[in-house]
Amino acid sequence: MNKGKAALSDAELVAILIGSGSLNESAVSLSQRILGKAENNLNVLGKFTVPQLMEFKGIGEAKAISIVAAMELGRRRRAGEALEKHKVTSSTSVFELMQPVIGELPHEEFWIIYMDNSNKVLQKVQLSKGGITGTLVDVRLAFKNALQLGAVGLILVHNHPSGTLKPSHADKQLTQKLVKAGESLDIKVLDHVIVTEKSYFSFADEGIL
């Protein structure tokens, strides 16, 4: 209260979430131990599941859920800030918008960002969700959404949980299929961006759209 939230360490912030430690350990000490297992990196902590957190003595289900919920709120805030702050004018802005949403997932998801003629985001929609190896995309649904929103452009985005940035043959085929479908409806596919935890690959930047 006296010094403000910025004065607190990561461990002290986590300690506030969990409220108390155990008989032999303070909340701050317990939080430091948890962060130590997470390489003192909040992005790594954000990947911990409830069962993983409950492996720490002093962390029950309720405390574990509080930590997971706080990490999720942080991710959603980042995504919301990107949406408010940026017109989508580059592949970097696509990465900033979508990395908090899909960059750290253990499975593949395919999203479409629908835009107006000023490159403002009308909506971002998850089109499909798959396993570790891939996902299926309904081209008709992609353009049905575009027509309903009055979108004039769209950007395809999906993640590679493996961390590889190289597009697969299937990625290239799907991109061309959507580009051709968009041409007949006068809706331009502006880019296809592959997102990983730390980086991205842009079809438009590489000249292969």
N, C-alpha and C. Protein backbone atom coordinates (compact mmCIF):
# COMPACT_ATOMS: atom_id res chain seq x y z
N MET A 1 0.83 -1.21 0.00
CA MET A 1 0.00 0.00 0.00
C MET A 1 0.86 1.26 0.00
N ASN A 2 1.96 1.22 0.74
CA ASN A 2 2.81 2.40 0.90
C ASN A 2 3.70 2.67 -0.31
N LYS A 3 4.28 1.61 -0.88
CA LYS A 3 5.28 1.78 -1.93
C LYS A 3 4.75 1.50 -3.34
N GLY A 4 3.56 0.90 -3.45
CA GLY A 4 3.00 0.62 -4.76
C GLY A 4 3.38 -0.77 -5.27
N LYS A 5 2.60 -1.26 -6.21
CA LYS A 5 2.77 -2.65 -6.70
C LYS A 5 4.10 -2.87 -7.40
N ALA A 6 4.65 -1.82 -8.04
CA ALA A 6 5.90 -1.97 -8.79
C ALA A 6 7.09 -2.25 -7.88
N ALA A 7 6.95 -1.92 -6.59
CA ALA A 7 8.06 -2.12 -5.65
C ALA A 7 8.19 -3.58 -5.23
N LEU A 8 7.16 -4.39 -5.50
CA LEU A 8 7.17 -5.79 -5.06
C LEU A 8 7.94 -6.67 -6.04
N SER A 9 8.62 -7.66 -5.49
CA SER A 9 9.29 -8.65 -6.34
C SER A 9 8.26 -9.62 -6.89
N ASP A 10 8.66 -10.41 -7.89
CA ASP A 10 7.75 -11.42 -8.45
C ASP A 10 7.29 -12.38 -7.34
N ALA A 11 8.23 -12.78 -6.49
CA ALA A 11 7.90 -13.72 -5.41
C ALA A 11 6.88 -13.11 -4.45
N GLU A 12 7.02 -11.83 -4.15
CA GLU A 12 6.07 -11.17 -3.24
C GLU A 12 4.68 -11.06 -3.87
N LEU A 13 4.64 -10.83 -5.19
CA LEU A 13 3.35 -10.78 -5.87
C LEU A 13 2.66 -12.15 -5.84
N VAL A 14 3.44 -13.21 -6.09
CA VAL A 14 2.87 -14.56 -6.03
C VAL A 14 2.43 -14.88 -4.61
N ALA A 15 3.21 -14.41 -3.61
CA ALA A 15 2.86 -14.64 -2.20
C ALA A 15 1.50 -14.02 -1.86
N ILE A 16 1.21 -12.86 -2.44
CA ILE A 16 -0.10 -12.23 -2.22
C ILE A 16 -1.22 -13.12 -2.79
N LEU A 17 -0.94 -13.74 -3.94
CA LEU A 17 -1.93 -14.63 -4.56
C LEU A 17 -2.26 -15.82 -3.67
N ILE A 18 -1.19 -16.44 -3.10
CA ILE A 18 -1.43 -17.67 -2.34
C ILE A 18 -1.80 -17.39 -0.88
N GLY A 19 -1.50 -16.17 -0.41
CA GLY A 19 -1.98 -15.76 0.91
C GLY A 19 -1.18 -16.25 2.10
N SER A 20 -0.81 -17.53 2.08
CA SER A 20 -0.07 -18.08 3.22
C SER A 20 0.82 -19.23 2.76
N GLY A 21 1.81 -19.52 3.56
CA GLY A 21 2.70 -20.63 3.25
C GLY A 21 2.31 -21.85 4.05
N SER A 22 3.28 -22.46 4.70
CA SER A 22 3.01 -23.61 5.56
C SER A 22 3.61 -23.34 6.93
N LEU A 23 3.53 -24.33 7.84
CA LEU A 23 4.06 -24.15 9.19
C LEU A 23 5.55 -23.82 9.18
N ASN A 24 6.27 -24.42 8.24
CA ASN A 24 7.72 -24.27 8.20
C ASN A 24 8.23 -23.29 7.15
N GLU A 25 7.33 -22.66 6.42
CA GLU A 25 7.78 -21.81 5.31
C GLU A 25 6.81 -20.66 5.09
N SER A 26 7.36 -19.46 4.91
CA SER A 26 6.51 -18.29 4.66
C SER A 26 5.98 -18.32 3.23
N ALA A 27 4.97 -17.51 2.98
CA ALA A 27 4.39 -17.43 1.63
C ALA A 27 5.43 -16.95 0.62
N VAL A 28 6.26 -15.99 1.05
CA VAL A 28 7.29 -15.46 0.14
C VAL A 28 8.33 -16.52 -0.17
N SER A 29 8.76 -17.26 0.85
CA SER A 29 9.75 -18.32 0.64
C SER A 29 9.21 -19.41 -0.27
N LEU A 30 7.95 -19.79 -0.06
CA LEU A 30 7.31 -20.78 -0.92
C LEU A 30 7.23 -20.28 -2.36
N SER A 31 6.89 -19.01 -2.50
CA SER A 31 6.80 -18.42 -3.84
C SER A 31 8.16 -18.38 -4.52
N GLN A 32 9.19 -18.09 -3.76
CA GLN A 32 10.55 -18.08 -4.32
C GLN A 32 10.94 -19.47 -4.81
N ARG A 33 10.51 -20.51 -4.06
CA ARG A 33 10.81 -21.89 -4.44
C ARG A 33 10.08 -22.26 -5.74
N ILE A 34 8.84 -21.83 -5.85
CA ILE A 34 8.05 -22.10 -7.07
C ILE A 34 8.69 -21.40 -8.26
N LEU A 35 9.04 -20.12 -8.07
CA LEU A 35 9.67 -19.36 -9.16
C LEU A 35 11.03 -19.95 -9.55
N GLY A 36 11.74 -20.48 -8.56
CA GLY A 36 13.02 -21.12 -8.85
C GLY A 36 12.85 -22.30 -9.79
N LYS A 37 11.78 -23.08 -9.57
CA LYS A 37 11.47 -24.22 -10.46
C LYS A 37 11.06 -23.73 -11.84
N ALA A 38 10.55 -22.50 -11.91
CA ALA A 38 10.13 -21.90 -13.19
C ALA A 38 11.24 -21.06 -13.81
N GLU A 39 12.48 -21.30 -13.37
CA GLU A 39 13.65 -20.59 -13.91
C GLU A 39 13.56 -19.08 -13.65
N ASN A 40 12.80 -18.70 -12.61
CA ASN A 40 12.55 -17.29 -12.28
C ASN A 40 12.01 -16.52 -13.48
N ASN A 41 11.19 -17.20 -14.26
CA ASN A 41 10.63 -16.64 -15.50
C ASN A 41 9.11 -16.77 -15.44
N LEU A 42 8.40 -15.65 -15.50
CA LEU A 42 6.94 -15.70 -15.40
C LEU A 42 6.29 -16.39 -16.60
N ASN A 43 6.95 -16.33 -17.76
CA ASN A 43 6.42 -17.05 -18.92
C ASN A 43 6.45 -18.56 -18.69
N VAL A 44 7.50 -19.04 -18.03
CA VAL A 44 7.59 -20.46 -17.70
C VAL A 44 6.55 -20.81 -16.63
N LEU A 45 6.41 -19.95 -15.62
CA LEU A 45 5.40 -20.17 -14.58
C LEU A 45 4.00 -20.24 -15.18
N GLY A 46 3.76 -19.45 -16.22
CA GLY A 46 2.45 -19.42 -16.86
C GLY A 46 2.07 -20.73 -17.53
N LYS A 47 3.05 -21.60 -17.74
CA LYS A 47 2.78 -22.90 -18.36
C LYS A 47 2.49 -24.00 -17.33
N PHE A 48 2.73 -23.70 -16.05
CA PHE A 48 2.49 -24.70 -15.01
C PHE A 48 1.00 -25.00 -14.91
N THR A 49 0.67 -26.24 -14.78
CA THR A 49 -0.72 -26.67 -14.61
C THR A 49 -1.06 -26.73 -13.12
N VAL A 50 -2.34 -26.87 -12.81
CA VAL A 50 -2.76 -26.99 -11.41
C VAL A 50 -2.09 -28.20 -10.74
N PRO A 51 -2.10 -29.39 -11.37
CA PRO A 51 -1.43 -30.53 -10.72
C PRO A 51 0.07 -30.30 -10.49
N GLN A 52 0.73 -29.64 -11.44
CA GLN A 52 2.17 -29.36 -11.26
C GLN A 52 2.41 -28.45 -10.07
N LEU A 53 1.58 -27.43 -9.92
CA LEU A 53 1.73 -26.50 -8.79
C LEU A 53 1.42 -27.19 -7.46
N MET A 54 0.50 -28.13 -7.49
CA MET A 54 0.12 -28.83 -6.25
C MET A 54 1.21 -29.79 -5.76
N GLU A 55 2.23 -30.00 -6.59
CA GLU A 55 3.36 -30.83 -6.15
C GLU A 55 4.21 -30.12 -5.10
N PHE A 56 4.07 -28.79 -5.01
CA PHE A 56 4.81 -28.03 -4.01
C PHE A 56 4.09 -28.13 -2.66
N LYS A 57 4.83 -28.49 -1.63
CA LYS A 57 4.24 -28.55 -0.29
C LYS A 57 3.76 -27.17 0.11
N GLY A 58 2.51 -27.08 0.53
CA GLY A 58 1.94 -25.79 0.91
C GLY A 58 1.02 -25.22 -0.16
N ILE A 59 1.00 -25.87 -1.35
CA ILE A 59 0.11 -25.41 -2.43
C ILE A 59 -1.00 -26.44 -2.64
N GLY A 60 -2.19 -26.07 -2.20
CA GLY A 60 -3.36 -26.92 -2.44
C GLY A 60 -4.05 -26.52 -3.73
N GLU A 61 -5.17 -27.12 -4.00
CA GLU A 61 -5.89 -26.87 -5.25
C GLU A 61 -6.30 -25.41 -5.39
N ALA A 62 -6.83 -24.82 -4.34
CA ALA A 62 -7.32 -23.43 -4.41
C ALA A 62 -6.17 -22.45 -4.71
N LYS A 63 -5.02 -22.66 -4.05
CA LYS A 63 -3.87 -21.78 -4.30
C LYS A 63 -3.33 -21.97 -5.72
N ALA A 64 -3.29 -23.22 -6.16
CA ALA A 64 -2.81 -23.51 -7.51
C ALA A 64 -3.72 -22.85 -8.55
N ILE A 65 -5.01 -22.93 -8.34
CA ILE A 65 -5.97 -22.31 -9.26
C ILE A 65 -5.80 -20.79 -9.28
N SER A 66 -5.52 -20.21 -8.12
CA SER A 66 -5.31 -18.75 -8.06
C SER A 66 -4.12 -18.33 -8.91
N ILE A 67 -3.03 -19.10 -8.85
CA ILE A 67 -1.83 -18.78 -9.64
C ILE A 67 -2.12 -18.94 -11.13
N VAL A 68 -2.75 -20.04 -11.51
CA VAL A 68 -3.07 -20.29 -12.93
C VAL A 68 -4.00 -19.19 -13.46
N ALA A 69 -4.99 -18.81 -12.65
CA ALA A 69 -5.94 -17.76 -13.07
C ALA A 69 -5.23 -16.42 -13.26
N ALA A 70 -4.30 -16.09 -12.36
CA ALA A 70 -3.56 -14.83 -12.48
C ALA A 70 -2.70 -14.81 -13.73
N MET A 71 -2.05 -15.93 -14.03
CA MET A 71 -1.23 -16.02 -15.24
C MET A 71 -2.10 -15.86 -16.50
N GLU A 72 -3.29 -16.44 -16.47
CA GLU A 72 -4.20 -16.32 -17.62
C GLU A 72 -4.69 -14.89 -17.79
N LEU A 73 -4.98 -14.21 -16.69
CA LEU A 73 -5.39 -12.80 -16.77
C LEU A 73 -4.28 -11.96 -17.39
N GLY A 74 -3.04 -12.25 -17.02
CA GLY A 74 -1.91 -11.53 -17.59
C GLY A 74 -1.81 -11.72 -19.09
N ARG A 75 -2.02 -12.98 -19.53
CA ARG A 75 -2.00 -13.26 -20.97
C ARG A 75 -3.09 -12.49 -21.70
N ARG A 76 -4.29 -12.51 -21.12
CA ARG A 76 -5.43 -11.83 -21.76
C ARG A 76 -5.24 -10.32 -21.80
N ARG A 77 -4.60 -9.78 -20.77
CA ARG A 77 -4.33 -8.35 -20.76
C ARG A 77 -3.37 -7.99 -21.90
N ARG A 78 -2.33 -8.80 -22.08
CA ARG A 78 -1.38 -8.55 -23.18
C ARG A 78 -2.09 -8.58 -24.53
N ALA A 79 -2.97 -9.55 -24.70
CA ALA A 79 -3.71 -9.67 -25.96
C ALA A 79 -4.62 -8.46 -26.16
N GLY A 80 -5.28 -8.02 -25.07
CA GLY A 80 -6.18 -6.88 -25.16
C GLY A 80 -5.44 -5.59 -25.48
N GLU A 81 -4.26 -5.42 -24.88
CA GLU A 81 -3.46 -4.23 -25.15
C GLU A 81 -3.01 -4.18 -26.60
N ALA A 82 -2.63 -5.33 -27.12
CA ALA A 82 -2.19 -5.39 -28.53
C ALA A 82 -3.34 -5.03 -29.46
N LEU A 83 -4.53 -5.51 -29.12
CA LEU A 83 -5.69 -5.25 -29.97
C LEU A 83 -6.05 -3.77 -29.97
N GLU A 84 -5.98 -3.14 -28.79
CA GLU A 84 -6.33 -1.72 -28.69
C GLU A 84 -5.27 -0.82 -29.31
N LYS A 85 -4.02 -1.20 -29.11
CA LYS A 85 -2.91 -0.34 -29.43
C LYS A 85 -2.59 -0.30 -30.92
N HIS A 86 -2.74 -1.42 -31.59
CA HIS A 86 -2.21 -1.52 -32.94
C HIS A 86 -3.29 -1.70 -34.00
N LYS A 87 -3.10 -0.99 -35.08
CA LYS A 87 -3.68 -1.46 -36.33
C LYS A 87 -2.76 -2.59 -36.77
N VAL A 88 -3.29 -3.55 -37.49
CA VAL A 88 -2.42 -4.61 -37.98
C VAL A 88 -1.81 -4.13 -39.29
N THR A 89 -0.58 -3.67 -39.20
CA THR A 89 0.10 -3.09 -40.36
C THR A 89 1.36 -3.86 -40.73
N SER A 90 1.72 -4.86 -39.92
CA SER A 90 2.95 -5.61 -40.19
C SER A 90 2.85 -6.98 -39.55
N SER A 91 3.76 -7.85 -39.93
CA SER A 91 3.80 -9.17 -39.33
C SER A 91 4.14 -9.10 -37.84
N THR A 92 4.93 -8.09 -37.47
CA THR A 92 5.28 -7.92 -36.06
C THR A 92 4.05 -7.62 -35.22
N SER A 93 3.15 -6.80 -35.74
CA SER A 93 1.94 -6.48 -34.98
C SER A 93 1.02 -7.69 -34.88
N VAL A 94 1.05 -8.57 -35.90
CA VAL A 94 0.29 -9.82 -35.83
C VAL A 94 0.85 -10.70 -34.70
N PHE A 95 2.17 -10.79 -34.64
CA PHE A 95 2.82 -11.58 -33.60
C PHE A 95 2.47 -11.03 -32.22
N GLU A 96 2.52 -9.71 -32.05
CA GLU A 96 2.21 -9.10 -30.76
C GLU A 96 0.76 -9.37 -30.34
N LEU A 97 -0.12 -9.43 -31.33
CA LEU A 97 -1.52 -9.68 -31.04
C LEU A 97 -1.80 -11.14 -30.69
N MET A 98 -1.14 -12.06 -31.41
CA MET A 98 -1.49 -13.47 -31.29
C MET A 98 -0.57 -14.31 -30.40
N GLN A 99 0.66 -13.86 -30.18
CA GLN A 99 1.55 -14.68 -29.35
C GLN A 99 0.98 -14.94 -27.95
N PRO A 100 0.38 -13.93 -27.29
CA PRO A 100 -0.18 -14.23 -25.97
C PRO A 100 -1.33 -15.24 -26.02
N VAL A 101 -1.96 -15.37 -27.18
CA VAL A 101 -3.13 -16.25 -27.31
C VAL A 101 -2.72 -17.68 -27.63
N ILE A 102 -1.78 -17.86 -28.58
CA ILE A 102 -1.46 -19.21 -29.03
C ILE A 102 0.03 -19.58 -28.95
N GLY A 103 0.87 -18.63 -28.60
CA GLY A 103 2.32 -18.86 -28.67
C GLY A 103 2.84 -19.93 -27.73
N GLU A 104 2.14 -20.18 -26.62
CA GLU A 104 2.66 -21.12 -25.62
C GLU A 104 1.83 -22.39 -25.52
N LEU A 105 0.90 -22.59 -26.45
CA LEU A 105 0.02 -23.76 -26.36
C LEU A 105 0.75 -25.05 -26.73
N PRO A 106 0.37 -26.18 -26.11
CA PRO A 106 0.99 -27.47 -26.44
C PRO A 106 0.36 -28.14 -27.66
N HIS A 107 -0.72 -27.54 -28.18
CA HIS A 107 -1.39 -28.08 -29.37
C HIS A 107 -1.50 -26.98 -30.42
N GLU A 108 -1.86 -27.36 -31.63
CA GLU A 108 -1.95 -26.40 -32.72
C GLU A 108 -3.35 -25.80 -32.82
N GLU A 109 -3.41 -24.50 -33.05
CA GLU A 109 -4.68 -23.82 -33.30
C GLU A 109 -4.56 -22.94 -34.52
N PHE A 110 -5.65 -22.80 -35.26
CA PHE A 110 -5.67 -21.97 -36.46
C PHE A 110 -6.67 -20.84 -36.24
N TRP A 111 -6.20 -19.61 -36.38
CA TRP A 111 -7.03 -18.42 -36.16
C TRP A 111 -7.04 -17.56 -37.43
N ILE A 112 -8.07 -16.74 -37.54
CA ILE A 112 -8.13 -15.75 -38.61
C ILE A 112 -8.41 -14.38 -38.00
N ILE A 113 -7.62 -13.40 -38.42
CA ILE A 113 -7.86 -12.01 -38.03
C ILE A 113 -8.59 -11.34 -39.19
N TYR A 114 -9.79 -10.86 -38.93
CA TYR A 114 -10.60 -10.19 -39.95
C TYR A 114 -10.43 -8.67 -39.81
N MET A 115 -10.22 -7.99 -40.94
CA MET A 115 -9.92 -6.56 -40.89
C MET A 115 -10.78 -5.75 -41.86
N ASP A 116 -10.95 -4.47 -41.54
CA ASP A 116 -11.65 -3.57 -42.45
C ASP A 116 -10.64 -2.93 -43.40
N ASN A 117 -11.10 -1.96 -44.20
CA ASN A 117 -10.19 -1.39 -45.20
C ASN A 117 -9.17 -0.42 -44.62
N SER A 118 -9.24 -0.17 -43.29
CA SER A 118 -8.22 0.65 -42.62
C SER A 118 -7.23 -0.21 -41.83
N ASN A 119 -7.29 -1.51 -42.07
CA ASN A 119 -6.43 -2.47 -41.35
C ASN A 119 -6.72 -2.53 -39.86
N LYS A 120 -7.92 -2.12 -39.46
CA LYS A 120 -8.33 -2.26 -38.08
C LYS A 120 -8.95 -3.65 -37.89
N VAL A 121 -8.70 -4.23 -36.75
CA VAL A 121 -9.21 -5.58 -36.47
C VAL A 121 -10.71 -5.52 -36.19
N LEU A 122 -11.46 -6.28 -36.95
CA LEU A 122 -12.89 -6.42 -36.70
C LEU A 122 -13.13 -7.52 -35.67
N GLN A 123 -12.40 -8.60 -35.85
CA GLN A 123 -12.54 -9.74 -34.94
C GLN A 123 -11.40 -10.72 -35.18
N LYS A 124 -11.01 -11.44 -34.15
CA LYS A 124 -10.09 -12.57 -34.35
C LYS A 124 -10.83 -13.82 -33.89
N VAL A 125 -10.78 -14.83 -34.73
CA VAL A 125 -11.62 -16.01 -34.52
C VAL A 125 -10.78 -17.28 -34.60
N GLN A 126 -10.98 -18.16 -33.63
CA GLN A 126 -10.35 -19.48 -33.70
C GLN A 126 -11.18 -20.34 -34.65
N LEU A 127 -10.55 -20.79 -35.73
CA LEU A 127 -11.27 -21.58 -36.72
C LEU A 127 -11.18 -23.07 -36.42
N SER A 128 -10.07 -23.48 -35.84
CA SER A 128 -9.95 -24.90 -35.49
C SER A 128 -8.88 -25.09 -34.43
N LYS A 129 -8.97 -26.26 -33.80
CA LYS A 129 -8.05 -26.61 -32.72
C LYS A 129 -7.67 -28.06 -32.93
N GLY A 130 -6.37 -28.32 -32.95
CA GLY A 130 -5.93 -29.67 -33.25
C GLY A 130 -5.02 -30.25 -32.21
N GLY A 131 -4.39 -31.35 -32.57
CA GLY A 131 -3.45 -32.00 -31.68
C GLY A 131 -2.07 -31.42 -31.87
N ILE A 132 -1.09 -32.19 -31.49
CA ILE A 132 0.29 -31.71 -31.55
C ILE A 132 0.79 -31.65 -32.99
N THR A 133 0.18 -32.43 -33.89
CA THR A 133 0.72 -32.53 -35.25
C THR A 133 0.00 -31.68 -36.29
N GLY A 134 -1.16 -31.18 -35.98
CA GLY A 134 -1.83 -30.38 -37.00
C GLY A 134 -3.29 -30.13 -36.69
N THR A 135 -3.94 -29.44 -37.59
CA THR A 135 -5.34 -29.09 -37.39
C THR A 135 -6.03 -28.97 -38.74
N LEU A 136 -7.34 -29.07 -38.74
CA LEU A 136 -8.11 -28.98 -39.98
C LEU A 136 -8.81 -27.64 -40.05
N VAL A 137 -8.91 -27.10 -41.25
CA VAL A 137 -9.49 -25.77 -41.43
C VAL A 137 -10.64 -25.83 -42.43
N ASP A 138 -11.77 -25.27 -42.06
CA ASP A 138 -12.94 -25.21 -42.93
C ASP A 138 -12.91 -23.88 -43.71
N VAL A 139 -12.56 -23.96 -44.98
CA VAL A 139 -12.42 -22.76 -45.82
C VAL A 139 -13.75 -22.02 -45.94
N ARG A 140 -14.85 -22.77 -46.06
CA ARG A 140 -16.17 -22.13 -46.20
C ARG A 140 -16.52 -21.30 -44.97
N LEU A 141 -16.21 -21.86 -43.79
CA LEU A 141 -16.51 -21.13 -42.55
C LEU A 141 -15.66 -19.87 -42.45
N ALA A 142 -14.42 -19.95 -42.92
CA ALA A 142 -13.51 -18.80 -42.88
C ALA A 142 -14.12 -17.61 -43.61
N PHE A 143 -14.67 -17.87 -44.79
CA PHE A 143 -15.21 -16.77 -45.59
C PHE A 143 -16.66 -16.43 -45.24
N LYS A 144 -17.37 -17.36 -44.65
CA LYS A 144 -18.70 -17.04 -44.13
C LYS A 144 -18.57 -15.97 -43.04
N ASN A 145 -17.60 -16.17 -42.15
CA ASN A 145 -17.35 -15.18 -41.09
C ASN A 145 -16.94 -13.83 -41.69
N ALA A 146 -16.09 -13.87 -42.72
CA ALA A 146 -15.62 -12.63 -43.35
C ALA A 146 -16.79 -11.84 -43.94
N LEU A 147 -17.69 -12.54 -44.62
CA LEU A 147 -18.85 -11.87 -45.24
C LEU A 147 -19.79 -11.31 -44.18
N GLN A 148 -19.98 -12.04 -43.09
CA GLN A 148 -20.87 -11.56 -42.02
C GLN A 148 -20.30 -10.31 -41.34
N LEU A 149 -18.97 -10.26 -41.24
CA LEU A 149 -18.32 -9.12 -40.58
C LEU A 149 -18.09 -7.94 -41.52
N GLY A 150 -18.24 -8.18 -42.82
CA GLY A 150 -17.94 -7.14 -43.80
C GLY A 150 -16.45 -6.90 -43.94
N ALA A 151 -15.65 -7.93 -43.70
CA ALA A 151 -14.19 -7.81 -43.78
C ALA A 151 -13.73 -7.71 -45.23
N VAL A 152 -12.69 -6.91 -45.45
CA VAL A 152 -12.12 -6.81 -46.80
C VAL A 152 -10.75 -7.48 -46.87
N GLY A 153 -10.21 -7.81 -45.71
CA GLY A 153 -8.91 -8.49 -45.67
C GLY A 153 -8.84 -9.41 -44.47
N LEU A 154 -8.01 -10.41 -44.59
CA LEU A 154 -7.83 -11.30 -43.45
C LEU A 154 -6.39 -11.81 -43.38
N ILE A 155 -6.00 -12.17 -42.18
CA ILE A 155 -4.68 -12.73 -41.94
C ILE A 155 -4.84 -14.08 -41.27
N LEU A 156 -4.18 -15.07 -41.83
CA LEU A 156 -4.21 -16.41 -41.27
C LEU A 156 -3.10 -16.52 -40.23
N VAL A 157 -3.40 -17.15 -39.12
CA VAL A 157 -2.40 -17.33 -38.06
C VAL A 157 -2.54 -18.71 -37.46
N HIS A 158 -1.44 -19.42 -37.33
CA HIS A 158 -1.47 -20.64 -36.53
C HIS A 158 -0.14 -20.82 -35.82
N ASN A 159 -0.14 -21.66 -34.81
CA ASN A 159 1.06 -21.86 -34.01
C ASN A 159 1.71 -23.20 -34.33
N HIS A 160 3.00 -23.27 -34.09
CA HIS A 160 3.75 -24.52 -34.17
C HIS A 160 4.28 -24.84 -32.77
N PRO A 161 3.62 -25.74 -32.04
CA PRO A 161 4.08 -26.08 -30.69
C PRO A 161 5.51 -26.61 -30.64
N SER A 162 5.97 -27.19 -31.74
CA SER A 162 7.33 -27.73 -31.80
C SER A 162 8.39 -26.64 -31.75
N GLY A 163 7.98 -25.39 -32.07
CA GLY A 163 8.94 -24.28 -32.08
C GLY A 163 9.56 -24.03 -33.43
N THR A 164 9.34 -24.94 -34.39
CA THR A 164 9.92 -24.73 -35.73
C THR A 164 9.15 -23.64 -36.47
N LEU A 165 9.89 -22.81 -37.21
CA LEU A 165 9.26 -21.72 -37.95
C LEU A 165 9.06 -22.06 -39.43
N LYS A 166 9.54 -23.22 -39.84
CA LYS A 166 9.45 -23.58 -41.25
C LYS A 166 8.03 -24.03 -41.59
N PRO A 167 7.39 -23.40 -42.61
CA PRO A 167 6.04 -23.83 -42.99
C PRO A 167 6.06 -25.21 -43.64
N SER A 168 5.07 -26.01 -43.32
CA SER A 168 4.97 -27.34 -43.91
C SER A 168 4.35 -27.25 -45.30
N HIS A 169 4.40 -28.34 -46.03
CA HIS A 169 3.76 -28.40 -47.35
C HIS A 169 2.26 -28.16 -47.20
N ALA A 170 1.67 -28.72 -46.13
CA ALA A 170 0.23 -28.53 -45.87
C ALA A 170 -0.08 -27.07 -45.57
N ASP A 171 0.80 -26.38 -44.85
CA ASP A 171 0.62 -24.95 -44.56
C ASP A 171 0.56 -24.15 -45.86
N LYS A 172 1.47 -24.47 -46.78
CA LYS A 172 1.52 -23.75 -48.07
C LYS A 172 0.29 -24.04 -48.91
N GLN A 173 -0.13 -25.30 -48.93
CA GLN A 173 -1.31 -25.69 -49.71
C GLN A 173 -2.56 -24.99 -49.21
N LEU A 174 -2.73 -24.98 -47.89
CA LEU A 174 -3.90 -24.34 -47.29
C LEU A 174 -3.91 -22.85 -47.57
N THR A 175 -2.75 -22.22 -47.51
CA THR A 175 -2.64 -20.78 -47.78
C THR A 175 -3.12 -20.48 -49.20
N GLN A 176 -2.64 -21.24 -50.17
CA GLN A 176 -3.03 -21.01 -51.56
C GLN A 176 -4.52 -21.25 -51.77
N LYS A 177 -5.06 -22.25 -51.09
CA LYS A 177 -6.49 -22.55 -51.18
C LYS A 177 -7.33 -21.36 -50.69
N LEU A 178 -6.90 -20.77 -49.59
CA LEU A 178 -7.63 -19.62 -49.03
C LEU A 178 -7.44 -18.36 -49.88
N VAL A 179 -6.24 -18.19 -50.43
CA VAL A 179 -5.98 -17.04 -51.31
C VAL A 179 -6.91 -17.10 -52.52
N LYS A 180 -7.01 -18.27 -53.13
CA LYS A 180 -7.86 -18.43 -54.33
C LYS A 180 -9.33 -18.23 -53.99
N ALA A 181 -9.76 -18.76 -52.85
CA ALA A 181 -11.15 -18.58 -52.43
C ALA A 181 -11.46 -17.11 -52.19
N GLY A 182 -10.52 -16.40 -51.62
CA GLY A 182 -10.71 -14.97 -51.34
C GLY A 182 -10.79 -14.13 -52.59
N GLU A 183 -10.05 -14.52 -53.63
CA GLU A 183 -10.04 -13.76 -54.88
C GLU A 183 -11.44 -13.65 -55.49
N SER A 184 -12.18 -14.75 -55.45
CA SER A 184 -13.52 -14.75 -56.06
C SER A 184 -14.51 -13.92 -55.26
N LEU A 185 -14.20 -13.67 -53.97
CA LEU A 185 -15.10 -12.89 -53.12
C LEU A 185 -14.57 -11.48 -52.89
N ASP A 186 -13.45 -11.14 -53.53
CA ASP A 186 -12.80 -9.84 -53.37
C ASP A 186 -12.41 -9.59 -51.91
N ILE A 187 -11.98 -10.66 -51.25
CA ILE A 187 -11.46 -10.57 -49.88
C ILE A 187 -10.01 -11.03 -49.93
N LYS A 188 -9.10 -10.14 -49.58
CA LYS A 188 -7.68 -10.41 -49.75
C LYS A 188 -7.07 -11.10 -48.53
N VAL A 189 -6.36 -12.18 -48.78
CA VAL A 189 -5.55 -12.81 -47.73
C VAL A 189 -4.22 -12.05 -47.69
N LEU A 190 -4.01 -11.29 -46.65
CA LEU A 190 -2.87 -10.38 -46.57
C LEU A 190 -1.59 -11.07 -46.08
N ASP A 191 -1.74 -12.11 -45.26
CA ASP A 191 -0.56 -12.79 -44.74
C ASP A 191 -0.99 -14.09 -44.08
N HIS A 192 -0.04 -14.97 -43.89
CA HIS A 192 -0.19 -16.16 -43.06
C HIS A 192 1.02 -16.17 -42.13
N VAL A 193 0.75 -16.08 -40.84
CA VAL A 193 1.84 -15.97 -39.86
C VAL A 193 1.86 -17.21 -38.97
N ILE A 194 3.03 -17.84 -38.91
CA ILE A 194 3.24 -18.97 -38.01
C ILE A 194 3.88 -18.42 -36.74
N VAL A 195 3.25 -18.71 -35.61
CA VAL A 195 3.69 -18.17 -34.33
C VAL A 195 4.27 -19.27 -33.45
N THR A 196 5.41 -18.99 -32.83
CA THR A 196 5.94 -19.86 -31.79
C THR A 196 6.05 -19.03 -30.51
N GLU A 197 6.60 -19.62 -29.47
CA GLU A 197 6.66 -18.90 -28.20
C GLU A 197 7.47 -17.61 -28.30
N LYS A 198 8.56 -17.65 -29.09
CA LYS A 198 9.47 -16.51 -29.09
C LYS A 198 9.62 -15.81 -30.44
N SER A 199 9.06 -16.37 -31.50
CA SER A 199 9.28 -15.77 -32.81
C SER A 199 8.13 -16.09 -33.76
N TYR A 200 8.31 -15.70 -35.03
CA TYR A 200 7.24 -15.93 -36.01
C TYR A 200 7.83 -16.02 -37.42
N PHE A 201 7.01 -16.56 -38.32
CA PHE A 201 7.35 -16.64 -39.74
C PHE A 201 6.18 -16.04 -40.52
N SER A 202 6.48 -15.10 -41.42
CA SER A 202 5.45 -14.44 -42.22
C SER A 202 5.57 -14.84 -43.68
N PHE A 203 4.50 -15.40 -44.24
CA PHE A 203 4.48 -15.74 -45.66
C PHE A 203 4.67 -14.50 -46.52
N ALA A 204 4.01 -13.38 -46.12
CA ALA A 204 4.12 -12.14 -46.91
C ALA A 204 5.54 -11.59 -46.89
N ASP A 205 6.16 -11.58 -45.72
CA ASP A 205 7.54 -11.07 -45.61
C ASP A 205 8.50 -11.89 -46.45
N GLU A 206 8.24 -13.19 -46.53
CA GLU A 206 9.14 -14.08 -47.27
C GLU A 206 8.79 -14.18 -48.75
N GLY A 207 7.72 -13.49 -49.17
CA GLY A 207 7.32 -13.46 -50.58
C GLY A 207 6.77 -14.76 -51.11
N ILE A 208 6.14 -15.56 -50.23
CA ILE A 208 5.59 -16.85 -50.68
C ILE A 208 4.08 -16.93 -50.50
N LEU A 209 3.43 -15.78 -50.37
CA LEU A 209 1.97 -15.78 -50.18
C LEU A 209 1.27 -16.14 -51.49
